[in-house]
Amino acid sequence: MTTTAPGWHDIPVRDWEGRPLDCAACAHAGLHAAGGCEPGRSCMQDAYARRIDRFFREHRELAAQHLDHPYFEVRAIAARHTDVFRLPALLDDPDETVRLQVALRVPQRLLERLREDPHREVRIRVAQRLDGSLLGSMLRDPDYEVRRIVARRLPEALLPLLIDDSDLQVRLEVASRVPMPALWRMVEDGAPEVRRRVAERLPAALLTVPATDEDWLVRWSAAARAESPALLERLQDDAESEVRERATERLAELRAARALPPTTLTLIPIEGGRDGRHRP
């Protein structure tokens, strides 16, 4: 016997308080009479968000009338479809679902006001949208995901401020972007994942430290990028066979590249003088 998940049309038609819908008592009874909405499909009184959304997508001009509706789903979906100039009134809405929709749409000068929203999902959206020059104020956000997004978007000059962040994912983002010489400060990070990322970005001349790292994958990353034959020869004696093999391969790559003859250009004489006329 096979079963399928119920579709949206299988969800009971009830209002947000669990009561049967009463179209006659609805503020949009005239719209219903004209075929503009339909219970179970497109209805702003329904408890089901998809039906509410369909109603406001079809009648965006009505969204502003319901920004103070007692049901949070109605307010949130109305905020998605209303004119952006109506959104400031919802910045302090008691429900985070509503404030989340606001954070996705308001201009930068209003988005700043949501940087310290009590709900992490709202602050995550703020970090995704806020102008990079303003992200410094979110460096110490208590939520690691907010800080990770900040690290991904923060101007490079401010990235060193997150080098010692307590969260691994945040430091990985930093190690992927922070320029030298700040990158060198992460060469002895406590997490091997971060040290591997550092080994993938350090200048080749500084790979001697990653080449002696306790984590064999860090040493492998150093072997893959090293340009010093002496360093590679030392790594050929590494305790891990994968590191030894990669060092041998890299050494062969370097020797082959250095053995190539220099590129020569063949000059082809052009008949005639500078002025393009033929000279006998």
Protein backbone atom coordinates (compact mmCIF):
# COMPACT_ATOMS: atom_id res chain seq x y z
CA MET A 1 0.00 0.00 0.00
CA THR A 2 1.35 3.39 -0.96
CA THR A 3 0.51 6.69 0.62
CA THR A 4 1.20 10.23 -0.51
CA ALA A 5 1.67 13.33 1.54
CA PRO A 6 -1.43 15.55 1.64
CA GLY A 7 -1.46 18.42 -0.83
CA TRP A 8 -2.41 21.97 0.02
CA HIS A 9 -5.97 21.27 -1.14
CA ASP A 10 -6.25 18.47 1.45
CA ILE A 11 -5.64 20.81 4.39
CA PRO A 12 -8.88 21.65 6.21
CA VAL A 13 -10.40 25.00 5.39
CA ARG A 14 -10.43 26.86 8.70
CA ASP A 15 -9.66 30.35 9.85
CA TRP A 16 -6.66 31.15 12.06
CA GLU A 17 -8.69 30.37 15.19
CA GLY A 18 -9.82 26.98 13.89
CA ARG A 19 -13.33 28.01 12.97
CA PRO A 20 -15.11 27.39 9.64
CA LEU A 21 -14.68 30.27 7.21
CA ASP A 22 -17.56 32.74 7.04
CA CYS A 23 -17.34 34.54 3.72
CA ALA A 24 -20.42 36.62 4.46
CA ALA A 25 -18.71 38.21 7.47
CA CYS A 26 -15.42 38.83 5.62
CA ALA A 27 -14.34 42.36 4.76
CA HIS A 28 -13.85 41.12 1.19
CA ALA A 29 -17.26 39.52 0.72
CA GLY A 30 -17.79 41.61 -2.41
CA LEU A 31 -14.55 40.33 -3.88
CA HIS A 32 -15.67 36.77 -3.23
CA ALA A 33 -19.01 37.41 -4.90
CA ALA A 34 -17.12 38.64 -7.97
CA GLY A 35 -14.95 35.53 -8.08
CA GLY A 36 -11.82 37.29 -6.82
CA CYS A 37 -11.12 34.78 -4.04
CA GLU A 38 -12.13 31.26 -3.14
CA PRO A 39 -12.17 29.39 0.18
CA GLY A 40 -9.67 26.55 0.13
CA ARG A 41 -7.63 28.18 -2.61
CA SER A 42 -7.19 31.94 -2.24
CA CYS A 43 -8.31 33.42 1.06
CA MET A 44 -6.72 35.85 3.52
CA GLN A 45 -8.89 34.54 6.39
CA ASP A 46 -7.55 30.98 6.00
CA ALA A 47 -5.07 29.63 8.56
CA TYR A 48 -2.94 28.08 5.80
CA ALA A 49 -0.12 30.40 4.67
CA ARG A 50 -0.13 29.24 1.05
CA ARG A 51 -3.76 30.25 0.58
CA ILE A 52 -3.13 33.60 2.26
CA ASP A 53 -0.15 34.21 -0.01
CA ARG A 54 -2.16 33.38 -3.11
CA PHE A 55 -4.79 35.93 -2.05
CA PHE A 56 -2.27 38.74 -1.61
CA ARG A 57 -0.35 37.88 -4.78
CA GLU A 58 -3.59 38.30 -6.69
CA HIS A 59 -4.66 41.42 -4.75
CA ARG A 60 -1.51 43.26 -3.68
CA GLU A 61 -3.44 46.50 -3.29
CA LEU A 62 -5.25 44.98 -0.29
CA ALA A 63 -2.13 43.98 1.64
CA ALA A 64 -1.76 47.33 3.42
CA GLN A 65 -5.20 46.88 4.98
CA HIS A 66 -4.07 43.83 6.92
CA LEU A 67 -0.69 44.79 8.36
CA ASP A 68 -2.27 44.91 11.82
CA HIS A 69 -4.21 41.64 11.50
CA PRO A 70 -4.21 39.58 14.72
CA TYR A 71 -2.87 36.49 12.90
CA PHE A 72 0.91 36.72 12.43
CA GLU A 73 0.86 34.80 9.13
CA VAL A 74 -1.48 37.36 7.60
CA ARG A 75 0.76 40.23 8.76
CA ALA A 76 3.91 38.48 7.53
CA ILE A 77 2.50 37.70 4.09
CA ALA A 78 0.92 41.10 3.76
CA ALA A 79 4.35 42.59 4.56
CA ARG A 80 5.78 40.57 1.68
CA HIS A 81 3.37 42.12 -0.81
CA THR A 82 2.62 45.61 0.47
CA ASP A 83 4.30 48.84 -0.59
CA VAL A 84 7.75 49.11 1.01
CA PHE A 85 6.83 52.49 2.52
CA ARG A 86 4.32 50.70 4.78
CA LEU A 87 6.96 48.48 6.38
CA PRO A 88 8.43 50.81 9.06
CA ALA A 89 5.30 50.25 11.14
CA LEU A 90 6.25 46.55 11.41
CA LEU A 91 9.85 46.97 12.58
CA ASP A 92 8.74 46.28 16.16
CA ASP A 93 6.13 43.65 15.38
CA PRO A 94 5.92 41.12 18.24
CA ASP A 95 6.35 38.15 15.89
CA GLU A 96 9.73 37.27 14.36
CA THR A 97 8.11 35.90 11.18
CA VAL A 98 6.78 39.36 10.43
CA ARG A 99 10.07 41.08 11.28
CA LEU A 100 11.86 38.58 9.03
CA GLN A 101 9.79 39.70 6.07
CA VAL A 102 10.53 43.30 6.98
CA ALA A 103 14.28 42.58 7.12
CA LEU A 104 14.12 41.18 3.60
CA ARG A 105 12.64 44.34 2.11
CA VAL A 106 13.32 47.53 4.04
CA PRO A 107 16.00 49.96 2.78
CA GLN A 108 19.40 50.11 4.49
CA ARG A 109 18.62 53.02 6.80
CA LEU A 110 15.79 50.99 8.37
CA LEU A 111 17.58 47.66 8.20
CA GLU A 112 20.13 49.00 10.68
CA ARG A 113 17.45 49.06 13.35
CA LEU A 114 17.12 45.28 13.18
CA ARG A 115 20.80 44.52 13.83
CA GLU A 116 20.06 43.66 17.46
CA ASP A 117 16.75 41.91 16.91
CA PRO A 118 16.18 39.26 19.61
CA HIS A 119 15.62 36.49 17.04
CA ARG A 120 18.60 34.95 15.23
CA GLU A 121 16.75 34.37 11.94
CA VAL A 122 16.02 38.07 11.66
CA ARG A 123 19.64 39.00 12.40
CA ILE A 124 20.83 36.44 9.83
CA ARG A 125 18.78 38.20 7.15
CA VAL A 126 20.13 41.54 8.31
CA ALA A 127 23.72 40.26 8.03
CA GLN A 128 22.98 39.03 4.50
CA ARG A 129 21.66 42.40 3.35
CA LEU A 130 23.35 45.08 5.42
CA ASP A 131 25.89 47.23 3.62
CA GLY A 132 29.41 45.91 4.19
CA SER A 133 30.56 49.17 5.73
CA LEU A 134 28.02 48.69 8.54
CA LEU A 135 28.72 45.04 9.33
CA GLY A 136 31.35 45.86 11.92
CA SER A 137 28.58 46.41 14.44
CA MET A 138 27.61 42.72 14.15
CA LEU A 139 31.08 41.26 14.77
CA ARG A 140 30.18 40.21 18.30
CA ASP A 141 26.73 38.84 17.60
CA PRO A 142 26.01 35.93 19.99
CA ASP A 143 24.93 33.64 17.15
CA TYR A 144 27.71 31.88 15.20
CA GLU A 145 25.74 31.83 11.94
CA VAL A 146 25.33 35.59 12.02
CA ARG A 147 29.07 36.00 12.59
CA ARG A 148 29.84 33.51 9.81
CA ILE A 149 27.83 35.58 7.33
CA VAL A 150 29.50 38.72 8.62
CA ALA A 151 32.92 37.10 8.06
CA ARG A 152 31.91 36.24 4.49
CA ARG A 153 30.88 39.82 3.67
CA LEU A 154 32.99 41.99 5.94
CA PRO A 155 35.57 44.33 4.33
CA GLU A 156 38.99 42.62 4.36
CA ALA A 157 40.48 45.31 6.58
CA LEU A 158 38.17 44.25 9.44
CA LEU A 159 38.58 40.48 9.10
CA PRO A 160 41.50 40.27 11.57
CA LEU A 161 38.98 41.13 14.30
CA LEU A 162 37.44 37.67 13.81
CA ILE A 163 40.65 35.63 13.69
CA ASP A 164 40.17 34.41 17.26
CA ASP A 165 36.43 33.78 17.01
CA SER A 166 35.26 30.88 19.17
CA ASP A 167 33.43 29.14 16.31
CA LEU A 168 35.15 26.94 13.74
CA GLN A 169 32.89 27.92 10.85
CA VAL A 170 33.51 31.61 11.43
CA ARG A 171 37.29 31.12 11.48
CA LEU A 172 37.09 29.05 8.29
CA GLU A 173 35.40 31.98 6.56
CA VAL A 174 38.10 34.30 7.88
CA ALA A 175 40.90 31.98 6.76
CA SER A 176 39.38 31.93 3.26
CA ARG A 177 39.49 35.72 2.90
CA VAL A 178 41.84 37.44 5.30
CA PRO A 179 44.91 38.86 3.53
CA MET A 180 48.53 38.63 4.57
CA PRO A 181 50.07 39.30 7.02
CA ALA A 182 46.97 38.60 9.14
CA LEU A 183 46.61 35.17 7.53
CA TRP A 184 49.92 34.17 9.10
CA ARG A 185 48.37 34.61 12.55
CA MET A 186 46.12 31.62 11.83
CA VAL A 187 48.90 29.20 10.96
CA GLU A 188 48.69 27.67 14.44
CA ASP A 189 44.91 27.77 14.83
CA GLY A 190 43.57 25.08 17.16
CA ALA A 191 41.46 23.47 14.44
CA PRO A 192 43.17 21.43 11.68
CA GLU A 193 40.41 22.44 9.25
CA VAL A 194 41.42 26.07 9.63
CA ARG A 195 45.13 25.27 9.34
CA ARG A 196 44.46 23.38 6.12
CA ARG A 197 42.64 26.42 4.72
CA VAL A 198 45.61 28.58 5.71
CA ALA A 199 48.05 26.17 4.00
CA GLU A 200 46.00 26.48 0.82
CA ARG A 201 46.44 30.27 0.78
CA LEU A 202 49.82 31.09 2.32
CA PRO A 203 52.60 32.31 0.04
CA ALA A 204 54.71 29.32 -1.02
CA ALA A 205 57.74 30.72 0.79
CA LEU A 206 55.93 30.40 4.14
CA LEU A 207 54.84 26.77 3.82
CA THR A 208 57.62 25.47 6.07
CA VAL A 209 55.37 25.70 9.13
CA PRO A 210 52.36 23.88 7.61
CA ALA A 211 54.84 21.30 6.28
CA THR A 212 55.56 20.24 9.87
CA ASP A 213 51.95 20.39 11.12
CA GLU A 214 50.72 17.49 13.26
CA ASP A 215 47.76 16.99 10.92
CA TRP A 216 48.79 15.04 7.82
CA LEU A 217 46.20 16.80 5.61
CA VAL A 218 47.80 20.15 6.44
CA ARG A 219 51.18 18.73 5.44
CA TRP A 220 49.60 17.32 2.25
CA SER A 221 48.28 20.80 1.40
CA ALA A 222 51.76 22.21 1.93
CA ALA A 223 53.26 19.53 -0.32
CA ALA A 224 50.71 20.30 -3.03
CA ARG A 225 51.79 23.97 -3.22
CA ALA A 226 55.44 23.99 -2.17
CA GLU A 227 57.98 25.49 -4.57
CA SER A 228 61.11 24.62 -2.59
CA PRO A 229 62.81 21.39 -3.71
CA ALA A 230 64.50 21.15 -0.32
CA LEU A 231 61.17 21.29 1.49
CA LEU A 232 59.64 18.72 -0.84
CA GLU A 233 62.58 16.40 -0.37
CA ARG A 234 62.00 16.54 3.39
CA LEU A 235 58.32 15.77 2.87
CA GLN A 236 59.31 12.69 0.86
CA ASP A 237 60.28 11.21 4.24
CA ASP A 238 56.92 12.08 5.87
CA ALA A 239 55.30 9.44 8.09
CA GLU A 240 52.17 9.43 5.89
CA SER A 241 52.35 7.76 2.50
CA GLU A 242 49.85 10.24 0.97
CA VAL A 243 52.11 13.14 1.92
CA ARG A 244 55.20 11.38 0.55
CA GLU A 245 53.43 10.64 -2.73
CA ARG A 246 52.18 14.19 -3.13
CA ALA A 247 55.63 15.60 -2.37
CA THR A 248 57.17 13.32 -5.00
CA GLU A 249 54.54 14.33 -7.55
CA ARG A 250 55.02 18.03 -6.82
CA LEU A 251 58.81 17.73 -7.05
CA ALA A 252 58.46 16.07 -10.45
CA GLU A 253 56.10 18.84 -11.57
CA LEU A 254 58.60 21.52 -10.59
CA ARG A 255 61.55 19.78 -12.23
CA ALA A 256 59.57 19.23 -15.43
CA ALA A 257 58.52 22.88 -15.51
CA ARG A 258 62.10 24.08 -14.99
CA ALA A 259 63.40 21.74 -17.67
CA LEU A 260 61.22 23.28 -20.38
CA PRO A 261 63.16 25.41 -22.88
CA PRO A 262 62.34 29.11 -22.83
CA THR A 263 59.74 30.29 -25.27
CA THR A 264 61.31 31.87 -28.35
CA LEU A 265 59.73 34.29 -30.75
CA THR A 266 60.40 34.02 -34.46
CA LEU A 267 60.49 37.40 -36.11
CA ILE A 268 59.03 37.40 -39.61
CA PRO A 269 60.36 40.26 -41.76
CA ILE A 270 57.75 42.44 -43.35
CA GLU A 271 58.38 43.32 -46.95
CA GLY A 272 58.49 47.05 -47.39
CA GLY A 273 59.41 49.97 -45.17
CA ARG A 274 57.72 51.63 -42.25
CA ASP A 275 55.35 53.36 -44.60
CA GLY A 276 54.24 50.01 -46.03
CA ARG A 277 55.59 50.73 -49.52
CA HIS A 278 57.61 48.05 -51.27
CA ARG A 279 61.36 48.63 -51.36
CA PRO A 280 63.21 47.14 -54.35
